[in-house]
Amino acid sequence: MTNDLFDLDRAKCLKCGACVRDCAFRALRADADGYPSMAYPDRCMRCQHCLAVCPSAAIAFDGKRPDDSVPAGGLELPSAASVENWLRTRRSMRSFAKEDVDRATLDRVLRALGNSPTGCNARALTFNCLPDRASMDRFRQLFIKAIERHRDGQKLLPRWLAVPAIKLRNGGEDMFFRNAPGMLIVTSDETDKAVATPREDVTIACANFELLANANGIATCWCGFLNLVQKEVPELLEATVGIRRTTPFYAMLFGRAAVRYRRGVQRDGYAKVVYMDGAGAAD
């Protein structure tokens, strides 16, 4: 049974109903012979749960074949202790080595990053990547010019922005980008009405990038400075990398670490934990 999205191999189908039961928006239903079919394609959110849950690999979805998927059974996952230890030892790197990140490694990370979840499965993210020091140096020059054009328009800049911008222009300390050899700017399409949580989608992708990058020996730093600068110079990213001033975004610096941290920090008690009883805070 085939339509534009749902392709069922009846010879493999067990008619177990797992895909129908797991379809959150009830796009699938069993036909008169007990085989699943895409009865309501307008309800389908393209989550591929049907492809993933089928025990006999009978379902292909939107041209994606089950044999090309990563098998979940027996998959080696990091232990709870290793994930906890990574969270305790992860650092925002502000001292980067001069070398560029290997492009093949970076490409593998970014392709895997496409699996990051998005609200309502909107999948409206773009990964805008400055992959090496040469591209970052060009961006820094455009960055300085955009700030100077803004200043020349008789618009006063706050001291926290003006002073480090002057230092960067004169070849001094790079407080904005920490001399990182690469930067990823994750954006969401704010014009797509199907995007319910654009800023959350961007943040989740950045968090996953940090995890994937670190696992591949790439250090990262959350570049909140760029968001602050964009508020003062709203034309900045449009002038430098073609991102509209209304576009939700966040930037991550990356590169090889120039510093080796010997131990984690101690923050277990920094966040308040409140257990709820369903009606409010528990005693």
C-alpha atoms as a PDB file:
ATOM      1  CA  MET A   1       0.000   0.000   0.000  1.00  0.00           C
ATOM      2  CA  THR A   2       1.624   3.235  -1.166  1.00  0.00           C
ATOM      3  CA  ASN A   3       0.826   6.918  -1.172  1.00  0.00           C
ATOM      4  CA  ASP A   4       3.064   9.969  -1.314  1.00  0.00           C
ATOM      5  CA  LEU A   5       4.255   9.437   2.281  1.00  0.00           C
ATOM      6  CA  PHE A   6       3.427   5.972   3.536  1.00  0.00           C
ATOM      7  CA  ASP A   7       4.811   2.881   1.756  1.00  0.00           C
ATOM      8  CA  LEU A   8       3.834  -0.497   3.209  1.00  0.00           C
ATOM      9  CA  ASP A   9       5.392  -3.815   2.221  1.00  0.00           C
ATOM     10  CA  ARG A  10       2.430  -6.136   2.792  1.00  0.00           C
ATOM     11  CA  ALA A  11       4.639  -9.215   2.497  1.00  0.00           C
ATOM     12  CA  LYS A  12       6.495  -8.093   5.629  1.00  0.00           C
ATOM     13  CA  CYS A  13       3.585  -6.529   7.531  1.00  0.00           C
ATOM     14  CA  LEU A  14       2.476  -8.485  10.609  1.00  0.00           C
ATOM     15  CA  LYS A  15      -0.762  -6.519  10.944  1.00  0.00           C
ATOM     16  CA  CYS A  16       0.174  -5.995  14.605  1.00  0.00           C
ATOM     17  CA  GLY A  17      -1.282  -2.488  14.692  1.00  0.00           C
ATOM     18  CA  ALA A  18       1.774  -0.967  16.426  1.00  0.00           C
ATOM     19  CA  CYS A  19       2.047   1.861  13.912  1.00  0.00           C
ATOM     20  CA  VAL A  20      -1.645   2.708  14.093  1.00  0.00           C
ATOM     21  CA  ARG A  21      -1.594   2.808  17.890  1.00  0.00           C
ATOM     22  CA  ASP A  22       1.541   4.942  17.995  1.00  0.00           C
ATOM     23  CA  CYS A  23       0.307   7.520  15.474  1.00  0.00           C
ATOM     24  CA  ALA A  24      -0.250  10.494  17.776  1.00  0.00           C
ATOM     25  CA  PHE A  25      -2.493  12.390  15.366  1.00  0.00           C
ATOM     26  CA  ARG A  26      -4.435   9.358  14.101  1.00  0.00           C
ATOM     27  CA  ALA A  27      -3.309   9.745  10.501  1.00  0.00           C
ATOM     28  CA  LEU A  28      -3.091   5.952  10.154  1.00  0.00           C
ATOM     29  CA  ARG A  29      -5.849   3.406  10.424  1.00  0.00           C
ATOM     30  CA  ALA A  30      -6.262  -0.283   9.640  1.00  0.00           C
ATOM     31  CA  ASP A  31      -8.062  -1.099   6.394  1.00  0.00           C
ATOM     32  CA  ALA A  32     -10.657  -3.842   5.929  1.00  0.00           C
ATOM     33  CA  ASP A  33      -7.896  -6.448   5.647  1.00  0.00           C
ATOM     34  CA  GLY A  34      -6.124  -5.265   8.805  1.00  0.00           C
ATOM     35  CA  TYR A  35      -3.236  -3.534   7.028  1.00  0.00           C
ATOM     36  CA  PRO A  36      -2.276  -0.005   8.116  1.00  0.00           C
ATOM     37  CA  SER A  37      -2.901   2.807   5.643  1.00  0.00           C
ATOM     38  CA  MET A  38      -2.446   6.566   5.541  1.00  0.00           C
ATOM     39  CA  ALA A  39      -6.126   7.448   5.867  1.00  0.00           C
ATOM     40  CA  TYR A  40      -5.677  11.102   6.828  1.00  0.00           C
ATOM     41  CA  PRO A  41      -2.443  12.483   5.312  1.00  0.00           C
ATOM     42  CA  ASP A  42      -3.407  16.033   6.318  1.00  0.00           C
ATOM     43  CA  ARG A  43      -3.047  14.973   9.973  1.00  0.00           C
ATOM     44  CA  CYS A  44       0.417  13.458   9.506  1.00  0.00           C
ATOM     45  CA  MET A  45       3.204  15.407  11.225  1.00  0.00           C
ATOM     46  CA  ARG A  46       5.944  13.419   9.473  1.00  0.00           C
ATOM     47  CA  CYS A  47       7.500  12.215  12.705  1.00  0.00           C
ATOM     48  CA  GLN A  48       8.426   8.823  11.169  1.00  0.00           C
ATOM     49  CA  HIS A  49       7.207   7.009  14.294  1.00  0.00           C
ATOM     50  CA  CYS A  50       5.517   4.432  12.057  1.00  0.00           C
ATOM     51  CA  LEU A  51       8.832   3.646  10.367  1.00  0.00           C
ATOM     52  CA  ALA A  52      10.598   3.444  13.731  1.00  0.00           C
ATOM     53  CA  VAL A  53       8.055   1.301  15.612  1.00  0.00           C
ATOM     54  CA  CYS A  54       7.392  -1.369  12.951  1.00  0.00           C
ATOM     55  CA  PRO A  55       8.836  -4.677  14.242  1.00  0.00           C
ATOM     56  CA  SER A  56       9.228  -6.188  10.764  1.00  0.00           C
ATOM     57  CA  ALA A  57      10.638  -3.166   8.897  1.00  0.00           C
ATOM     58  CA  ALA A  58       7.601  -3.157   6.618  1.00  0.00           C
ATOM     59  CA  ILE A  59       7.111   0.619   6.470  1.00  0.00           C
ATOM     60  CA  ALA A  60       9.029   3.189   4.475  1.00  0.00           C
ATOM     61  CA  PHE A  61       8.134   6.840   4.945  1.00  0.00           C
ATOM     62  CA  ASP A  62       8.609   9.756   2.571  1.00  0.00           C
ATOM     63  CA  GLY A  63      11.274   7.847   0.650  1.00  0.00           C
ATOM     64  CA  LYS A  64      13.129   6.814   3.824  1.00  0.00           C
ATOM     65  CA  ARG A  65      13.756   3.062   3.939  1.00  0.00           C
ATOM     66  CA  PRO A  66      13.853   1.237   7.301  1.00  0.00           C
ATOM     67  CA  ASP A  67      17.062  -0.588   6.378  1.00  0.00           C
ATOM     68  CA  ASP A  68      18.849   2.781   6.260  1.00  0.00           C
ATOM     69  CA  SER A  69      17.878   3.682   9.844  1.00  0.00           C
ATOM     70  CA  VAL A  70      20.078   3.192  12.902  1.00  0.00           C
ATOM     71  CA  PRO A  71      18.797   0.078  14.713  1.00  0.00           C
ATOM     72  CA  ALA A  72      17.681   0.791  18.282  1.00  0.00           C
ATOM     73  CA  GLY A  73      18.015  -2.771  19.550  1.00  0.00           C
ATOM     74  CA  GLY A  74      21.388  -3.365  21.164  1.00  0.00           C
ATOM     75  CA  LEU A  75      22.487   0.199  20.491  1.00  0.00           C
ATOM     76  CA  GLU A  76      25.331   1.208  22.766  1.00  0.00           C
ATOM     77  CA  LEU A  77      24.271   4.274  24.727  1.00  0.00           C
ATOM     78  CA  PRO A  78      26.367   6.272  27.195  1.00  0.00           C
ATOM     79  CA  SER A  79      25.884   5.255  30.798  1.00  0.00           C
ATOM     80  CA  ALA A  80      24.049   7.465  33.253  1.00  0.00           C
ATOM     81  CA  ALA A  81      27.327   8.079  35.069  1.00  0.00           C
ATOM     82  CA  SER A  82      29.145   9.180  31.904  1.00  0.00           C
ATOM     83  CA  VAL A  83      26.354  11.619  30.974  1.00  0.00           C
ATOM     84  CA  GLU A  84      26.326  13.051  34.497  1.00  0.00           C
ATOM     85  CA  ASN A  85      30.106  13.385  34.467  1.00  0.00           C
ATOM     86  CA  TRP A  86      30.042  15.132  31.090  1.00  0.00           C
ATOM     87  CA  LEU A  87      27.469  17.610  32.412  1.00  0.00           C
ATOM     88  CA  ARG A  88      29.635  18.311  35.461  1.00  0.00           C
ATOM     89  CA  THR A  89      32.864  18.718  33.488  1.00  0.00           C
ATOM     90  CA  ARG A  90      31.619  20.539  30.369  1.00  0.00           C
ATOM     91  CA  ARG A  91      33.022  24.062  30.032  1.00  0.00           C
ATOM     92  CA  SER A  92      32.328  27.014  27.796  1.00  0.00           C
ATOM     93  CA  MET A  93      35.689  27.321  26.044  1.00  0.00           C
ATOM     94  CA  ARG A  94      37.060  30.840  25.700  1.00  0.00           C
ATOM     95  CA  SER A  95      40.606  29.893  24.658  1.00  0.00           C
ATOM     96  CA  PHE A  96      40.804  28.225  21.268  1.00  0.00           C
ATOM     97  CA  ALA A  97      43.752  26.731  19.387  1.00  0.00           C
ATOM     98  CA  LYS A  98      44.681  28.274  16.038  1.00  0.00           C
ATOM     99  CA  GLU A  99      43.972  25.137  14.014  1.00  0.00           C
ATOM    100  CA  ASP A 100      40.722  24.720  12.120  1.00  0.00           C
ATOM    101  CA  VAL A 101      38.302  21.914  12.888  1.00  0.00           C
ATOM    102  CA  ASP A 102      38.525  18.992  10.481  1.00  0.00           C
ATOM    103  CA  ARG A 103      35.799  19.579   7.872  1.00  0.00           C
ATOM    104  CA  ALA A 104      34.748  15.928   7.664  1.00  0.00           C
ATOM    105  CA  THR A 105      34.233  15.816  11.423  1.00  0.00           C
ATOM    106  CA  LEU A 106      32.287  19.080  11.379  1.00  0.00           C
ATOM    107  CA  ASP A 107      30.116  17.846   8.510  1.00  0.00           C
ATOM    108  CA  ARG A 108      29.305  14.629  10.389  1.00  0.00           C
ATOM    109  CA  VAL A 109      28.297  16.607  13.482  1.00  0.00           C
ATOM    110  CA  LEU A 110      26.067  19.004  11.541  1.00  0.00           C
ATOM    111  CA  ARG A 111      24.350  16.233   9.589  1.00  0.00           C
ATOM    112  CA  ALA A 112      23.577  14.380  12.824  1.00  0.00           C
ATOM    113  CA  LEU A 113      22.342  17.650  14.339  1.00  0.00           C
ATOM    114  CA  GLY A 114      19.433  17.577  11.918  1.00  0.00           C
ATOM    115  CA  ASN A 115      17.874  14.964  14.218  1.00  0.00           C
ATOM    116  CA  SER A 116      17.306  17.584  16.933  1.00  0.00           C
ATOM    117  CA  PRO A 117      13.654  17.751  17.975  1.00  0.00           C
ATOM    118  CA  THR A 118      11.499  20.734  17.027  1.00  0.00           C
ATOM    119  CA  GLY A 119       8.064  21.757  18.308  1.00  0.00           C
ATOM    120  CA  CYS A 120       5.281  20.044  16.321  1.00  0.00           C
ATOM    121  CA  ASN A 121       8.061  18.518  14.201  1.00  0.00           C
ATOM    122  CA  ALA A 122       8.299  21.793  12.269  1.00  0.00           C
ATOM    123  CA  ARG A 123      11.890  21.113  11.122  1.00  0.00           C
ATOM    124  CA  ALA A 124      12.410  24.744  10.136  1.00  0.00           C
ATOM    125  CA  LEU A 125      15.982  25.116  11.386  1.00  0.00           C
ATOM    126  CA  THR A 126      18.964  26.325   9.379  1.00  0.00           C
ATOM    127  CA  PHE A 127      22.555  25.728  10.457  1.00  0.00           C
ATOM    128  CA  ASN A 128      24.565  28.723   9.240  1.00  0.00           C
ATOM    129  CA  CYS A 129      28.188  27.697   9.677  1.00  0.00           C
ATOM    130  CA  LEU A 130      31.403  29.693   9.490  1.00  0.00           C
ATOM    131  CA  PRO A 131      33.651  26.616   9.365  1.00  0.00           C
ATOM    132  CA  ASP A 132      37.195  27.944   9.593  1.00  0.00           C
ATOM    133  CA  ARG A 133      39.397  30.806  10.686  1.00  0.00           C
ATOM    134  CA  ALA A 134      39.419  32.436   7.248  1.00  0.00           C
ATOM    135  CA  SER A 135      35.619  32.695   7.204  1.00  0.00           C
ATOM    136  CA  MET A 136      35.598  33.922  10.809  1.00  0.00           C
ATOM    137  CA  ASP A 137      38.176  36.616  10.019  1.00  0.00           C
ATOM    138  CA  ARG A 138      36.003  37.856   7.145  1.00  0.00           C
ATOM    139  CA  PHE A 139      32.981  37.849   9.453  1.00  0.00           C
ATOM    140  CA  ARG A 140      34.869  39.864  12.083  1.00  0.00           C
ATOM    141  CA  GLN A 141      35.687  42.521   9.503  1.00  0.00           C
ATOM    142  CA  LEU A 142      32.053  42.701   8.358  1.00  0.00           C
ATOM    143  CA  PHE A 143      31.008  42.783  12.010  1.00  0.00           C
ATOM    144  CA  ILE A 144      33.230  45.811  12.686  1.00  0.00           C
ATOM    145  CA  LYS A 145      32.007  47.614   9.550  1.00  0.00           C
ATOM    146  CA  ALA A 146      28.361  47.038  10.508  1.00  0.00           C
ATOM    147  CA  ILE A 147      28.980  48.531  13.959  1.00  0.00           C
ATOM    148  CA  GLU A 148      30.831  51.501  12.486  1.00  0.00           C
ATOM    149  CA  ARG A 149      28.033  52.186   9.971  1.00  0.00           C
ATOM    150  CA  HIS A 150      25.584  52.121  12.849  1.00  0.00           C
ATOM    151  CA  ARG A 151      27.735  54.567  14.812  1.00  0.00           C
ATOM    152  CA  ASP A 152      28.189  56.850  11.795  1.00  0.00           C
ATOM    153  CA  GLY A 153      24.408  57.112  11.597  1.00  0.00           C
ATOM    154  CA  GLN A 154      24.542  59.208  14.789  1.00  0.00           C
ATOM    155  CA  LYS A 155      23.352  56.289  16.895  1.00  0.00           C
ATOM    156  CA  LEU A 156      25.151  56.095  20.214  1.00  0.00           C
ATOM    157  CA  LEU A 157      26.468  52.711  21.261  1.00  0.00           C
ATOM    158  CA  PRO A 158      26.623  51.552  24.888  1.00  0.00           C
ATOM    159  CA  ARG A 159      30.090  51.428  26.387  1.00  0.00           C
ATOM    160  CA  TRP A 160      29.998  47.638  26.796  1.00  0.00           C
ATOM    161  CA  LEU A 161      29.723  47.379  22.999  1.00  0.00           C
ATOM    162  CA  ALA A 162      31.779  50.339  21.811  1.00  0.00           C
ATOM    163  CA  VAL A 163      34.941  49.652  23.835  1.00  0.00           C
ATOM    164  CA  PRO A 164      35.444  45.965  22.870  1.00  0.00           C
ATOM    165  CA  ALA A 165      34.517  46.805  19.255  1.00  0.00           C
ATOM    166  CA  ILE A 166      37.314  49.382  19.134  1.00  0.00           C
ATOM    167  CA  LYS A 167      39.747  46.850  20.621  1.00  0.00           C
ATOM    168  CA  LEU A 168      38.744  44.265  18.027  1.00  0.00           C
ATOM    169  CA  ARG A 169      39.125  46.776  15.169  1.00  0.00           C
ATOM    170  CA  ASN A 170      42.615  47.678  16.403  1.00  0.00           C
ATOM    171  CA  GLY A 171      43.712  44.048  16.551  1.00  0.00           C
ATOM    172  CA  GLY A 172      43.325  43.687  20.289  1.00  0.00           C
ATOM    173  CA  GLU A 173      41.300  41.318  22.444  1.00  0.00           C
ATOM    174  CA  ASP A 174      38.324  39.649  20.770  1.00  0.00           C
ATOM    175  CA  MET A 175      35.733  39.677  23.540  1.00  0.00           C
ATOM    176  CA  PHE A 176      32.907  38.909  21.119  1.00  0.00           C
ATOM    177  CA  PHE A 177      34.177  35.749  19.440  1.00  0.00           C
ATOM    178  CA  ARG A 178      37.141  34.739  21.624  1.00  0.00           C
ATOM    179  CA  ASN A 179      39.329  34.225  18.550  1.00  0.00           C
ATOM    180  CA  ALA A 180      37.357  31.089  17.794  1.00  0.00           C
ATOM    181  CA  PRO A 181      38.124  29.495  14.411  1.00  0.00           C
ATOM    182  CA  GLY A 182      34.465  28.663  13.753  1.00  0.00           C
ATOM    183  CA  MET A 183      30.910  29.655  14.579  1.00  0.00           C
ATOM    184  CA  LEU A 184      27.519  28.048  14.112  1.00  0.00           C
ATOM    185  CA  ILE A 185      24.455  30.297  13.962  1.00  0.00           C
ATOM    186  CA  VAL A 186      21.249  28.300  14.339  1.00  0.00           C
ATOM    187  CA  THR A 187      18.144  30.026  12.995  1.00  0.00           C
ATOM    188  CA  SER A 188      14.459  29.197  12.774  1.00  0.00           C
ATOM    189  CA  ASP A 189      12.064  30.316  10.036  1.00  0.00           C
ATOM    190  CA  GLU A 190       9.832  32.861  11.745  1.00  0.00           C
ATOM    191  CA  THR A 191       7.712  33.229   8.601  1.00  0.00           C
ATOM    192  CA  ASP A 192       6.492  29.620   8.757  1.00  0.00           C
ATOM    193  CA  LYS A 193       3.170  29.575  10.625  1.00  0.00           C
ATOM    194  CA  ALA A 194       3.690  25.885  11.423  1.00  0.00           C
ATOM    195  CA  VAL A 195       6.631  26.767  13.682  1.00  0.00           C
ATOM    196  CA  ALA A 196       5.182  26.823  17.188  1.00  0.00           C
ATOM    197  CA  THR A 197       8.377  27.154  19.250  1.00  0.00           C
ATOM    198  CA  PRO A 198      11.097  28.819  17.135  1.00  0.00           C
ATOM    199  CA  ARG A 199      13.349  30.040  19.952  1.00  0.00           C
ATOM    200  CA  GLU A 200      13.084  26.797  21.873  1.00  0.00           C
ATOM    201  CA  ASP A 201      13.919  24.852  18.705  1.00  0.00           C
ATOM    202  CA  VAL A 202      17.064  26.944  18.235  1.00  0.00           C
ATOM    203  CA  THR A 203      18.154  26.457  21.849  1.00  0.00           C
ATOM    204  CA  ILE A 204      17.632  22.688  21.741  1.00  0.00           C
ATOM    205  CA  ALA A 205      19.720  22.435  18.567  1.00  0.00           C
ATOM    206  CA  CYS A 206      22.523  24.456  20.181  1.00  0.00           C
ATOM    207  CA  ALA A 207      22.506  22.194  23.238  1.00  0.00           C
ATOM    208  CA  ASN A 208      22.707  19.131  20.999  1.00  0.00           C
ATOM    209  CA  PHE A 209      25.506  20.739  19.010  1.00  0.00           C
ATOM    210  CA  GLU A 210      27.497  21.216  22.195  1.00  0.00           C
ATOM    211  CA  LEU A 211      27.024  17.555  23.097  1.00  0.00           C
ATOM    212  CA  LEU A 212      27.888  16.232  19.631  1.00  0.00           C
ATOM    213  CA  ALA A 213      30.809  18.613  19.185  1.00  0.00           C
ATOM    214  CA  ASN A 214      32.335  17.771  22.566  1.00  0.00           C
ATOM    215  CA  ALA A 215      31.983  14.054  21.823  1.00  0.00           C
ATOM    216  CA  ASN A 216      34.034  14.654  18.660  1.00  0.00           C
ATOM    217  CA  GLY A 217      36.782  16.589  20.437  1.00  0.00           C
ATOM    218  CA  ILE A 218      35.452  20.032  19.463  1.00  0.00           C
ATOM    219  CA  ALA A 219      35.205  22.661  22.191  1.00  0.00           C
ATOM    220  CA  THR A 220      32.277  25.103  22.209  1.00  0.00           C
ATOM    221  CA  CYS A 221      31.145  28.367  23.736  1.00  0.00           C
ATOM    222  CA  TRP A 222      27.612  29.783  23.891  1.00  0.00           C
ATOM    223  CA  CYS A 223      27.870  33.182  22.171  1.00  0.00           C
ATOM    224  CA  GLY A 224      25.146  35.194  23.894  1.00  0.00           C
ATOM    225  CA  PHE A 225      27.150  38.319  23.095  1.00  0.00           C
ATOM    226  CA  LEU A 226      25.917  38.151  19.502  1.00  0.00           C
ATOM    227  CA  ASN A 227      22.282  38.314  20.623  1.00  0.00           C
ATOM    228  CA  LEU A 228      23.027  41.332  22.794  1.00  0.00           C
ATOM    229  CA  VAL A 229      24.832  43.075  19.943  1.00  0.00           C
ATOM    230  CA  GLN A 230      21.971  42.308  17.553  1.00  0.00           C
ATOM    231  CA  LYS A 231      19.585  44.175  19.861  1.00  0.00           C
ATOM    232  CA  GLU A 232      21.766  47.298  19.668  1.00  0.00           C
ATOM    233  CA  VAL A 233      22.657  46.936  15.981  1.00  0.00           C
ATOM    234  CA  PRO A 234      19.590  45.175  14.517  1.00  0.00           C
ATOM    235  CA  GLU A 235      20.915  45.289  10.957  1.00  0.00           C
ATOM    236  CA  LEU A 236      24.087  43.429  11.974  1.00  0.00           C
ATOM    237  CA  LEU A 237      23.378  39.856  10.904  1.00  0.00           C
ATOM    238  CA  GLU A 238      21.392  40.916   7.863  1.00  0.00           C
ATOM    239  CA  ALA A 239      24.406  42.849   6.657  1.00  0.00           C
ATOM    240  CA  THR A 240      26.951  40.139   7.498  1.00  0.00           C
ATOM    241  CA  VAL A 241      25.355  36.733   6.951  1.00  0.00           C
ATOM    242  CA  GLY A 242      21.933  37.542   5.497  1.00  0.00           C
ATOM    243  CA  ILE A 243      19.849  36.742   8.595  1.00  0.00           C
ATOM    244  CA  ARG A 244      16.817  39.013   9.048  1.00  0.00           C
ATOM    245  CA  ARG A 245      16.621  41.092  12.208  1.00  0.00           C
ATOM    246  CA  THR A 246      13.403  39.305  13.270  1.00  0.00           C
ATOM    247  CA  THR A 247      14.827  35.805  12.839  1.00  0.00           C
ATOM    248  CA  PRO A 248      15.174  33.771  16.067  1.00  0.00           C
ATOM    249  CA  PHE A 249      18.802  32.683  16.391  1.00  0.00           C
ATOM    250  CA  TYR A 250      21.617  31.707  18.709  1.00  0.00           C
ATOM    251  CA  ALA A 251      25.316  31.322  17.983  1.00  0.00           C
ATOM    252  CA  MET A 252      27.849  28.756  19.165  1.00  0.00           C
ATOM    253  CA  LEU A 253      31.594  29.309  18.854  1.00  0.00           C
ATOM    254  CA  PHE A 254      33.676  26.220  18.260  1.00  0.00           C
ATOM    255  CA  GLY A 255      37.217  25.010  17.712  1.00  0.00           C
ATOM    256  CA  ARG A 256      39.955  22.936  19.260  1.00  0.00           C
ATOM    257  CA  ALA A 257      40.545  23.744  22.920  1.00  0.00           C
ATOM    258  CA  ALA A 258      43.664  25.627  23.959  1.00  0.00           C
ATOM    259  CA  VAL A 259      43.002  24.925  27.655  1.00  0.00           C
ATOM    260  CA  ARG A 260      42.660  21.614  29.452  1.00  0.00           C
ATOM    261  CA  TYR A 261      40.436  21.651  32.513  1.00  0.00           C
ATOM    262  CA  ARG A 262      41.488  19.132  35.147  1.00  0.00           C
ATOM    263  CA  ARG A 263      38.198  18.674  36.954  1.00  0.00           C
ATOM    264  CA  GLY A 264      34.547  19.611  36.940  1.00  0.00           C
ATOM    265  CA  VAL A 265      32.885  22.336  38.942  1.00  0.00           C
ATOM    266  CA  GLN A 266      30.357  21.826  41.738  1.00  0.00           C
ATOM    267  CA  ARG A 267      26.863  23.051  40.933  1.00  0.00           C
ATOM    268  CA  ASP A 268      24.590  20.231  42.053  1.00  0.00           C
ATOM    269  CA  GLY A 269      22.777  22.499  44.494  1.00  0.00           C
ATOM    270  CA  TYR A 270      22.558  25.619  42.311  1.00  0.00           C
ATOM    271  CA  ALA A 271      19.085  24.926  40.958  1.00  0.00           C
ATOM    272  CA  LYS A 272      16.028  24.678  43.168  1.00  0.00           C
ATOM    273  CA  VAL A 273      14.270  21.315  42.990  1.00  0.00           C
ATOM    274  CA  VAL A 274      10.548  21.298  43.751  1.00  0.00           C
ATOM    275  CA  TYR A 275       8.502  18.082  43.675  1.00  0.00           C
ATOM    276  CA  MET A 276       4.868  18.703  42.794  1.00  0.00           C
ATOM    277  CA  ASP A 277       1.919  16.672  44.112  1.00  0.00           C
ATOM    278  CA  GLY A 278      -0.369  17.539  41.191  1.00  0.00           C
ATOM    279  CA  ALA A 279      -2.093  20.446  42.942  1.00  0.00           C
ATOM    280  CA  GLY A 280       0.905  22.521  43.889  1.00  0.00           C
ATOM    281  CA  ALA A 281       4.231  22.290  45.647  1.00  0.00           C
ATOM    282  CA  ALA A 282       4.551  19.311  47.944  1.00  0.00           C
ATOM    283  CA  ASP A 283       5.494  19.728  51.577  1.00  0.00           C
END
